Amino acid sequence: MDIESLTEDIRKRVGEDSGLGARIKFDLGESNVIYVDGSVVPNVVNNDDTDADCTIRMSVEDFESLLAGDLDPTTAFMMGKLKVDGDMGIAMKLSSVL
């Protein structure tokens, strides 16, 4: 799946108001970024590499597996496939949205 398709998938999942109340960036390597501003309504989802309250770093392949439900976020974190910079509480809230 390409970054545009992944971004659209995230846009559909967060909707108008995700309830996150924070800015999250998915850093998928090689300049592939999905930015979610859940601090405004309607939520903004784009590919801008902007400062965020929480940055989640992982490969595109692992991100696709996570979205498909084939990879558990906690397991991915424990295995080092998912790294979190910033507010861990925001990352925990994110699992209910995704």
Protein backbone atom coordinates (compact mmCIF):
# COMPACT_ATOMS: atom_id res chain seq x y z
CA MET A 1 0.00 0.00 0.00
CA ASP A 2 1.35 3.47 -0.79
CA ILE A 3 1.54 6.38 1.66
CA GLU A 4 -1.49 8.12 0.09
CA SER A 5 -3.66 5.02 0.65
CA LEU A 6 -2.42 4.66 4.22
CA THR A 7 -3.11 8.33 4.89
CA GLU A 8 -6.66 8.00 3.54
CA ASP A 9 -7.21 4.92 5.72
CA ILE A 10 -6.11 6.85 8.83
CA ARG A 11 -8.30 9.81 7.79
CA LYS A 12 -11.34 7.50 7.68
CA ARG A 13 -10.47 5.89 11.02
CA VAL A 14 -10.03 9.14 12.98
CA GLY A 15 -13.06 10.83 11.40
CA GLU A 16 -14.09 14.37 12.27
CA ASP A 17 -13.38 14.10 16.00
CA SER A 18 -11.19 11.25 17.23
CA GLY A 19 -11.25 12.49 20.81
CA LEU A 20 -7.44 12.29 20.94
CA GLY A 21 -6.95 15.93 21.86
CA ALA A 22 -3.34 15.76 20.68
CA ARG A 23 -1.04 15.79 17.65
CA ILE A 24 0.45 12.48 16.54
CA LYS A 25 2.99 11.71 13.85
CA PHE A 26 3.59 8.29 12.33
CA ASP A 27 7.17 8.22 11.05
CA LEU A 28 7.29 5.29 8.63
CA GLY A 29 10.83 5.93 7.38
CA GLU A 30 12.10 7.18 4.02
CA SER A 31 10.18 10.48 4.29
CA ASN A 32 6.87 8.63 4.75
CA VAL A 33 4.98 10.58 7.41
CA ILE A 34 1.33 10.60 8.43
CA TYR A 35 0.42 13.50 10.72
CA VAL A 36 -2.81 13.54 12.72
CA ASP A 37 -3.88 16.73 14.46
CA GLY A 38 -6.54 15.50 16.86
CA SER A 39 -6.42 18.74 18.85
CA VAL A 40 -8.75 20.51 16.40
CA VAL A 41 -12.19 19.63 15.06
CA PRO A 42 -12.43 18.52 12.37
CA ASN A 43 -9.26 16.49 12.83
CA VAL A 44 -6.53 17.12 10.26
CA VAL A 45 -4.74 14.19 8.62
CA ASN A 46 -1.96 14.86 6.11
CA ASN A 47 1.63 14.01 5.21
CA ASP A 48 3.30 17.09 6.69
CA ASP A 49 6.40 16.41 8.78
CA THR A 50 5.32 18.68 11.62
CA ASP A 51 6.07 18.70 15.35
CA ALA A 52 3.76 16.42 17.32
CA ASP A 53 3.02 15.58 20.95
CA CYS A 54 3.77 11.92 20.21
CA THR A 55 5.76 10.34 17.38
CA ILE A 56 5.37 6.67 16.55
CA ARG A 57 8.19 5.18 14.48
CA MET A 58 7.80 1.92 12.58
CA SER A 59 8.22 0.43 9.13
CA VAL A 60 5.51 0.76 6.48
CA GLU A 61 5.10 -3.02 6.48
CA ASP A 62 4.57 -3.19 10.26
CA PHE A 63 2.18 -0.22 10.10
CA GLU A 64 0.11 -2.02 7.45
CA SER A 65 0.03 -5.14 9.66
CA LEU A 66 -1.04 -3.02 12.62
CA LEU A 67 -3.90 -1.45 10.67
CA ALA A 68 -4.99 -4.85 9.35
CA GLY A 69 -5.15 -6.17 12.91
CA ASP A 70 -2.39 -8.70 12.27
CA LEU A 71 0.08 -6.98 14.62
CA ASP A 72 -0.80 -6.13 18.22
CA PRO A 73 0.52 -2.66 19.22
CA THR A 74 1.78 -3.87 22.61
CA THR A 75 3.57 -6.84 21.06
CA ALA A 76 5.06 -4.57 18.37
CA PHE A 77 6.35 -2.21 21.08
CA MET A 78 7.86 -5.04 23.12
CA MET A 79 9.54 -6.49 20.02
CA GLY A 80 11.01 -3.10 19.11
CA LYS A 81 8.98 -2.87 15.90
CA LEU A 82 7.19 0.21 17.23
CA LYS A 83 8.97 3.06 19.01
CA VAL A 84 7.25 5.94 20.78
CA ASP A 85 8.79 9.39 21.30
CA GLY A 86 6.89 11.86 23.45
CA ASP A 87 3.69 11.30 25.43
CA MET A 88 3.12 7.56 25.87
CA GLY A 89 -0.42 8.26 27.16
CA ILE A 90 -1.37 9.59 23.73
CA ALA A 91 -0.04 6.44 22.09
CA MET A 92 -2.21 4.37 24.44
CA LYS A 93 -5.32 6.42 23.51
CA LEU A 94 -4.52 5.87 19.85
CA SER A 95 -5.09 2.12 20.06
CA SER A 96 -8.81 2.72 20.67
CA VAL A 97 -9.02 4.85 17.51
CA LEU A 98 -7.12 2.43 15.28
